[in-house]
Amino acid sequence: MKWQWIKELIILHLLCISILMIMFSITSCTYSTPVGHQVTPDTTVSDIFSSVIDTDSIEHWYGNQIYSNSLNYCYYHEQYEHVRKIISK
């Protein structure tokens, strides 16, 4: 009899945790725009991001300010990337 009560209590706790997780995941979804800009059908990539072509001819999209010799978030590749300025001759 005691084990049955414990099993029911565990099932109740798991159910409550599942309901809470679903509620938090639904309420945490908000509409956001990249880098704080409003996106319209006329918006182009250059209106929102600073587009940079690296030495390997790969395009990168960074936010409003690019920090040299630092990590910057690349919205094109969805990851932080180390950026450094190379002075061409």
N, C-alpha and C. Protein backbone atom coordinates (compact mmCIF):
# COMPACT_ATOMS: atom_id res chain seq x y z
N MET A 1 0.81 -1.20 0.00
CA MET A 1 0.00 0.00 0.00
C MET A 1 0.86 1.27 0.00
N LYS A 2 1.96 1.23 0.76
CA LYS A 2 2.84 2.38 0.85
C LYS A 2 3.50 2.67 -0.50
N TRP A 3 3.93 1.62 -1.22
CA TRP A 3 4.58 1.82 -2.51
C TRP A 3 3.63 2.40 -3.55
N GLN A 4 2.39 2.02 -3.49
CA GLN A 4 1.40 2.55 -4.42
C GLN A 4 1.25 4.06 -4.22
N TRP A 5 1.23 4.49 -3.00
CA TRP A 5 1.11 5.92 -2.68
C TRP A 5 2.33 6.68 -3.20
N ILE A 6 3.52 6.12 -3.05
CA ILE A 6 4.75 6.76 -3.52
C ILE A 6 4.75 6.84 -5.05
N LYS A 7 4.32 5.78 -5.71
CA LYS A 7 4.25 5.80 -7.17
C LYS A 7 3.29 6.87 -7.68
N GLU A 8 2.14 7.00 -7.03
CA GLU A 8 1.16 8.02 -7.42
C GLU A 8 1.71 9.42 -7.18
N LEU A 9 2.46 9.61 -6.11
CA LEU A 9 3.06 10.91 -5.82
C LEU A 9 4.11 11.28 -6.86
N ILE A 10 4.91 10.31 -7.27
CA ILE A 10 5.93 10.55 -8.29
C ILE A 10 5.26 10.90 -9.62
N ILE A 11 4.21 10.19 -9.99
CA ILE A 11 3.49 10.48 -11.23
C ILE A 11 2.88 11.88 -11.18
N LEU A 12 2.35 12.26 -10.05
CA LEU A 12 1.77 13.60 -9.89
C LEU A 12 2.84 14.67 -10.04
N HIS A 13 4.00 14.46 -9.43
CA HIS A 13 5.09 15.42 -9.56
C HIS A 13 5.57 15.54 -11.00
N LEU A 14 5.71 14.43 -11.68
CA LEU A 14 6.14 14.46 -13.08
C LEU A 14 5.12 15.18 -13.96
N LEU A 15 3.86 14.97 -13.68
CA LEU A 15 2.80 15.66 -14.43
C LEU A 15 2.87 17.17 -14.20
N CYS A 16 3.05 17.58 -12.95
CA CYS A 16 3.15 19.01 -12.63
C CYS A 16 4.36 19.65 -13.30
N ILE A 17 5.49 18.96 -13.26
CA ILE A 17 6.70 19.48 -13.89
C ILE A 17 6.50 19.59 -15.40
N SER A 18 5.86 18.62 -16.00
CA SER A 18 5.61 18.66 -17.45
C SER A 18 4.71 19.83 -17.81
N ILE A 19 3.67 20.05 -17.03
CA ILE A 19 2.76 21.18 -17.29
C ILE A 19 3.50 22.50 -17.15
N LEU A 20 4.33 22.64 -16.12
CA LEU A 20 5.10 23.86 -15.93
C LEU A 20 6.08 24.09 -17.08
N MET A 21 6.73 23.05 -17.54
CA MET A 21 7.66 23.20 -18.66
C MET A 21 6.94 23.64 -19.93
N ILE A 22 5.78 23.09 -20.18
CA ILE A 22 5.01 23.49 -21.36
C ILE A 22 4.57 24.95 -21.23
N MET A 23 4.12 25.34 -20.05
CA MET A 23 3.68 26.73 -19.85
C MET A 23 4.84 27.71 -20.04
N PHE A 24 6.01 27.39 -19.49
CA PHE A 24 7.16 28.28 -19.64
C PHE A 24 7.64 28.35 -21.08
N SER A 25 7.62 27.25 -21.78
CA SER A 25 8.08 27.28 -23.17
C SER A 25 7.12 28.07 -24.06
N ILE A 26 5.84 28.01 -23.77
CA ILE A 26 4.87 28.78 -24.57
C ILE A 26 4.98 30.26 -24.26
N THR A 27 5.08 30.62 -23.00
CA THR A 27 5.11 32.04 -22.63
C THR A 27 6.45 32.69 -22.91
N SER A 28 7.51 31.92 -23.06
CA SER A 28 8.82 32.52 -23.31
C SER A 28 9.03 32.84 -24.78
N CYS A 29 8.19 32.37 -25.66
CA CYS A 29 8.32 32.66 -27.09
C CYS A 29 7.82 34.06 -27.36
N THR A 30 8.72 34.92 -27.78
CA THR A 30 8.34 36.29 -28.11
C THR A 30 8.84 36.59 -29.51
N TYR A 31 8.21 37.57 -30.12
CA TYR A 31 8.63 38.00 -31.44
C TYR A 31 9.83 38.91 -31.29
N SER A 32 10.89 38.62 -31.96
CA SER A 32 12.06 39.48 -31.90
C SER A 32 12.57 39.73 -33.30
N THR A 33 13.28 40.81 -33.43
CA THR A 33 13.86 41.16 -34.72
C THR A 33 15.37 41.13 -34.58
N PRO A 34 16.09 40.80 -35.63
CA PRO A 34 17.54 40.75 -35.54
C PRO A 34 18.14 42.12 -35.26
N VAL A 35 18.98 42.19 -34.28
CA VAL A 35 19.72 43.39 -33.91
C VAL A 35 18.79 44.56 -33.63
N GLY A 36 17.55 44.29 -33.25
CA GLY A 36 16.63 45.35 -32.87
C GLY A 36 16.02 46.13 -34.01
N HIS A 37 16.03 45.61 -35.22
CA HIS A 37 15.46 46.30 -36.37
C HIS A 37 14.12 45.68 -36.75
N GLN A 38 13.22 46.50 -37.22
CA GLN A 38 11.94 46.02 -37.71
C GLN A 38 12.13 45.52 -39.14
N VAL A 39 11.69 44.32 -39.41
CA VAL A 39 11.87 43.73 -40.73
C VAL A 39 10.58 43.88 -41.52
N THR A 40 10.69 44.41 -42.72
CA THR A 40 9.56 44.59 -43.63
C THR A 40 9.90 43.87 -44.94
N PRO A 41 8.92 43.72 -45.83
CA PRO A 41 9.22 43.06 -47.12
C PRO A 41 10.29 43.79 -47.93
N ASP A 42 10.46 45.11 -47.71
CA ASP A 42 11.46 45.88 -48.45
C ASP A 42 12.84 45.83 -47.82
N THR A 43 12.96 45.23 -46.64
CA THR A 43 14.22 45.21 -45.91
C THR A 43 15.23 44.31 -46.61
N THR A 44 16.45 44.79 -46.75
CA THR A 44 17.53 43.98 -47.31
C THR A 44 18.53 43.66 -46.21
N VAL A 45 19.42 42.74 -46.50
CA VAL A 45 20.43 42.33 -45.52
C VAL A 45 21.28 43.52 -45.10
N SER A 46 21.64 44.37 -46.04
CA SER A 46 22.51 45.49 -45.73
C SER A 46 21.82 46.54 -44.86
N ASP A 47 20.49 46.52 -44.78
CA ASP A 47 19.77 47.44 -43.90
C ASP A 47 19.92 47.05 -42.43
N ILE A 48 20.15 45.79 -42.17
CA ILE A 48 20.19 45.29 -40.80
C ILE A 48 21.59 44.93 -40.36
N PHE A 49 22.34 44.25 -41.21
CA PHE A 49 23.64 43.71 -40.83
C PHE A 49 24.77 44.43 -41.54
N SER A 50 25.94 44.36 -40.93
CA SER A 50 27.16 44.76 -41.61
C SER A 50 27.71 43.50 -42.27
N SER A 51 27.71 43.49 -43.58
CA SER A 51 28.16 42.32 -44.32
C SER A 51 29.67 42.43 -44.54
N VAL A 52 30.38 41.35 -44.20
CA VAL A 52 31.84 41.33 -44.33
C VAL A 52 32.22 40.08 -45.13
N ILE A 53 33.12 40.26 -46.09
CA ILE A 53 33.66 39.14 -46.85
C ILE A 53 35.07 38.90 -46.32
N ASP A 54 35.34 37.68 -45.85
CA ASP A 54 36.66 37.41 -45.28
C ASP A 54 37.67 37.05 -46.36
N THR A 55 38.90 36.74 -45.94
CA THR A 55 39.98 36.46 -46.89
C THR A 55 39.74 35.19 -47.71
N ASP A 56 38.84 34.32 -47.24
CA ASP A 56 38.49 33.11 -47.98
C ASP A 56 37.24 33.29 -48.84
N SER A 57 36.80 34.54 -49.01
CA SER A 57 35.61 34.90 -49.80
C SER A 57 34.32 34.35 -49.21
N ILE A 58 34.27 34.23 -47.89
CA ILE A 58 33.06 33.78 -47.20
C ILE A 58 32.37 35.00 -46.60
N GLU A 59 31.06 35.10 -46.81
CA GLU A 59 30.31 36.24 -46.32
C GLU A 59 29.89 36.02 -44.87
N HIS A 60 29.95 37.10 -44.07
CA HIS A 60 29.54 37.07 -42.68
C HIS A 60 28.63 38.28 -42.42
N TRP A 61 27.63 38.10 -41.56
CA TRP A 61 26.72 39.19 -41.20
C TRP A 61 26.87 39.47 -39.72
N TYR A 62 27.31 40.68 -39.38
CA TYR A 62 27.47 41.10 -37.99
C TYR A 62 26.49 42.21 -37.67
N GLY A 63 26.33 42.49 -36.39
CA GLY A 63 25.40 43.50 -35.92
C GLY A 63 25.88 44.91 -36.20
N ASN A 64 25.32 45.86 -35.43
CA ASN A 64 25.60 47.28 -35.65
C ASN A 64 27.08 47.63 -35.56
N GLN A 65 27.78 47.06 -34.59
CA GLN A 65 29.18 47.40 -34.38
C GLN A 65 30.02 46.12 -34.43
N ILE A 66 31.13 46.20 -35.14
CA ILE A 66 32.04 45.07 -35.23
C ILE A 66 33.27 45.40 -34.40
N TYR A 67 33.60 44.52 -33.47
CA TYR A 67 34.75 44.72 -32.60
C TYR A 67 35.94 43.95 -33.14
N SER A 68 37.03 44.66 -33.45
CA SER A 68 38.23 44.02 -33.97
C SER A 68 38.97 43.30 -32.86
N ASN A 69 39.60 42.19 -33.20
CA ASN A 69 40.33 41.33 -32.25
C ASN A 69 39.44 40.88 -31.10
N SER A 70 38.21 40.53 -31.43
CA SER A 70 37.24 40.13 -30.42
C SER A 70 36.24 39.16 -31.05
N LEU A 71 35.42 38.55 -30.20
CA LEU A 71 34.34 37.69 -30.69
C LEU A 71 33.14 38.55 -31.07
N ASN A 72 32.58 38.27 -32.22
CA ASN A 72 31.39 38.94 -32.72
C ASN A 72 30.41 37.87 -33.16
N TYR A 73 29.11 38.12 -32.96
CA TYR A 73 28.11 37.14 -33.37
C TYR A 73 27.81 37.28 -34.85
N CYS A 74 27.99 36.19 -35.59
CA CYS A 74 27.69 36.16 -37.02
C CYS A 74 26.28 35.61 -37.18
N TYR A 75 25.37 36.46 -37.67
CA TYR A 75 23.98 36.05 -37.84
C TYR A 75 23.82 35.12 -39.04
N TYR A 76 24.73 35.16 -39.97
CA TYR A 76 24.67 34.27 -41.13
C TYR A 76 24.99 32.84 -40.72
N HIS A 77 26.03 32.67 -39.90
CA HIS A 77 26.47 31.34 -39.48
C HIS A 77 25.92 30.95 -38.11
N GLU A 78 25.22 31.87 -37.44
CA GLU A 78 24.60 31.64 -36.13
C GLU A 78 25.60 31.14 -35.10
N GLN A 79 26.73 31.84 -35.01
CA GLN A 79 27.75 31.50 -34.02
C GLN A 79 28.66 32.70 -33.80
N TYR A 80 29.38 32.67 -32.67
CA TYR A 80 30.38 33.71 -32.40
C TYR A 80 31.64 33.40 -33.19
N GLU A 81 32.22 34.45 -33.77
CA GLU A 81 33.42 34.29 -34.57
C GLU A 81 34.43 35.35 -34.17
N HIS A 82 35.70 34.97 -34.17
CA HIS A 82 36.77 35.91 -33.85
C HIS A 82 37.03 36.77 -35.09
N VAL A 83 37.02 38.06 -34.92
CA VAL A 83 37.19 38.99 -36.02
C VAL A 83 38.45 39.81 -35.76
N ARG A 84 39.29 39.91 -36.78
CA ARG A 84 40.44 40.79 -36.67
C ARG A 84 40.60 41.53 -38.00
N LYS A 85 41.06 42.74 -37.89
CA LYS A 85 41.20 43.60 -39.05
C LYS A 85 42.56 43.35 -39.70
N ILE A 86 42.53 43.14 -41.01
CA ILE A 86 43.77 42.95 -41.78
C ILE A 86 43.92 44.14 -42.71
N ILE A 87 45.01 44.80 -42.61
CA ILE A 87 45.26 45.96 -43.48
C ILE A 87 45.87 45.44 -44.77
N SER A 88 45.15 45.68 -45.87
CA SER A 88 45.65 45.22 -47.17
C SER A 88 46.64 46.23 -47.73
N LYS A 89 47.57 45.72 -48.51
CA LYS A 89 48.60 46.59 -49.09
C LYS A 89 48.34 46.88 -50.52
